[in-house]
Amino acid sequence: MSIATDTTLIIRCPYCAMGIEFRPMIAHKDGRFVCRDCAHTVRPGVPDYRCTCRPCLRVGAGRL
């Protein structure tokens, strides 16, 4: 006998804290997850996707 369970994918912003945890990102129908505070964006399952939010651009500038 199998039991059906509901699972929800929660992705958290690596830049924005909410209390002692990182802030959960908002899921969009097209598969994106977006932080409501800094606009950081991820696309699970798309390894070549690169976010262009300000924190990511700042981190990327340090790699040059």
C-alpha atoms as a PDB file:
ATOM      1  CA  MET A   1       0.000   0.000   0.000  1.00  0.00           C
ATOM      2  CA  SER A   2       1.483   3.330  -1.028  1.00  0.00           C
ATOM      3  CA  ILE A   3       0.632   6.596   0.612  1.00  0.00           C
ATOM      4  CA  ALA A   4       0.372   9.695  -1.569  1.00  0.00           C
ATOM      5  CA  THR A   5       2.132  12.670  -0.099  1.00  0.00           C
ATOM      6  CA  ASP A   6       2.236  16.270  -1.202  1.00  0.00           C
ATOM      7  CA  THR A   7       5.692  17.691  -1.668  1.00  0.00           C
ATOM      8  CA  THR A   8       6.521  21.308  -2.189  1.00  0.00           C
ATOM      9  CA  LEU A   9       9.831  22.495  -3.571  1.00  0.00           C
ATOM     10  CA  ILE A  10      11.137  25.334  -1.435  1.00  0.00           C
ATOM     11  CA  ILE A  11      14.136  27.221  -2.736  1.00  0.00           C
ATOM     12  CA  ARG A  12      15.692  29.861  -0.541  1.00  0.00           C
ATOM     13  CA  CYS A  13      17.562  32.981  -1.585  1.00  0.00           C
ATOM     14  CA  PRO A  14      21.276  32.701  -0.748  1.00  0.00           C
ATOM     15  CA  TYR A  15      21.465  36.482  -0.183  1.00  0.00           C
ATOM     16  CA  CYS A  16      18.391  37.435   1.879  1.00  0.00           C
ATOM     17  CA  ALA A  17      17.725  36.342   5.446  1.00  0.00           C
ATOM     18  CA  MET A  18      14.363  36.160   7.176  1.00  0.00           C
ATOM     19  CA  GLY A  19      15.039  35.734  10.856  1.00  0.00           C
ATOM     20  CA  ILE A  20      17.638  32.973  11.204  1.00  0.00           C
ATOM     21  CA  GLU A  21      16.851  31.323   7.844  1.00  0.00           C
ATOM     22  CA  PHE A  22      17.258  32.365   4.250  1.00  0.00           C
ATOM     23  CA  ARG A  23      14.113  33.817   2.652  1.00  0.00           C
ATOM     24  CA  PRO A  24      11.941  31.408   0.607  1.00  0.00           C
ATOM     25  CA  MET A  25      11.721  32.408  -3.045  1.00  0.00           C
ATOM     26  CA  ILE A  26       8.444  32.810  -4.942  1.00  0.00           C
ATOM     27  CA  ALA A  27       7.659  30.079  -7.494  1.00  0.00           C
ATOM     28  CA  HIS A  28       6.411  31.214 -10.910  1.00  0.00           C
ATOM     29  CA  LYS A  29       4.436  29.103 -13.397  1.00  0.00           C
ATOM     30  CA  ASP A  30       7.278  29.164 -15.932  1.00  0.00           C
ATOM     31  CA  GLY A  31       9.572  27.326 -13.492  1.00  0.00           C
ATOM     32  CA  ARG A  32      11.503  30.315 -12.140  1.00  0.00           C
ATOM     33  CA  PHE A  33      11.948  31.044  -8.452  1.00  0.00           C
ATOM     34  CA  VAL A  34      12.421  34.736  -7.622  1.00  0.00           C
ATOM     35  CA  CYS A  35      13.375  36.467  -4.363  1.00  0.00           C
ATOM     36  CA  ARG A  36      10.924  39.240  -3.552  1.00  0.00           C
ATOM     37  CA  ASP A  37      13.643  41.330  -1.914  1.00  0.00           C
ATOM     38  CA  CYS A  38      16.705  41.227  -4.195  1.00  0.00           C
ATOM     39  CA  ALA A  39      15.204  39.712  -7.403  1.00  0.00           C
ATOM     40  CA  HIS A  40      17.660  36.780  -7.348  1.00  0.00           C
ATOM     41  CA  THR A  41      16.338  34.178  -9.795  1.00  0.00           C
ATOM     42  CA  VAL A  42      16.956  30.455 -10.189  1.00  0.00           C
ATOM     43  CA  ARG A  43      15.700  27.926 -12.708  1.00  0.00           C
ATOM     44  CA  PRO A  44      15.929  24.415 -11.272  1.00  0.00           C
ATOM     45  CA  GLY A  45      16.923  21.905 -13.944  1.00  0.00           C
ATOM     46  CA  VAL A  46      18.580  24.520 -16.179  1.00  0.00           C
ATOM     47  CA  PRO A  47      22.309  24.241 -15.375  1.00  0.00           C
ATOM     48  CA  ASP A  48      23.376  26.974 -17.826  1.00  0.00           C
ATOM     49  CA  TYR A  49      21.041  29.619 -16.350  1.00  0.00           C
ATOM     50  CA  ARG A  50      22.846  32.631 -14.848  1.00  0.00           C
ATOM     51  CA  CYS A  51      21.081  35.155 -12.644  1.00  0.00           C
ATOM     52  CA  THR A  52      21.670  38.859 -13.271  1.00  0.00           C
ATOM     53  CA  CYS A  53      20.495  40.269  -9.938  1.00  0.00           C
ATOM     54  CA  ARG A  54      22.751  42.829  -8.236  1.00  0.00           C
ATOM     55  CA  PRO A  55      24.191  40.392  -5.642  1.00  0.00           C
ATOM     56  CA  CYS A  56      25.079  37.862  -8.390  1.00  0.00           C
ATOM     57  CA  LEU A  57      26.667  40.548 -10.548  1.00  0.00           C
ATOM     58  CA  ARG A  58      28.689  41.737  -7.535  1.00  0.00           C
ATOM     59  CA  VAL A  59      29.931  38.185  -6.844  1.00  0.00           C
ATOM     60  CA  GLY A  60      30.691  37.669 -10.544  1.00  0.00           C
ATOM     61  CA  ALA A  61      32.683  40.893 -10.739  1.00  0.00           C
ATOM     62  CA  GLY A  62      34.978  39.557  -8.029  1.00  0.00           C
ATOM     63  CA  ARG A  63      35.874  36.590 -10.244  1.00  0.00           C
ATOM     64  CA  LEU A  64      37.283  38.691 -13.089  1.00  0.00           C
END
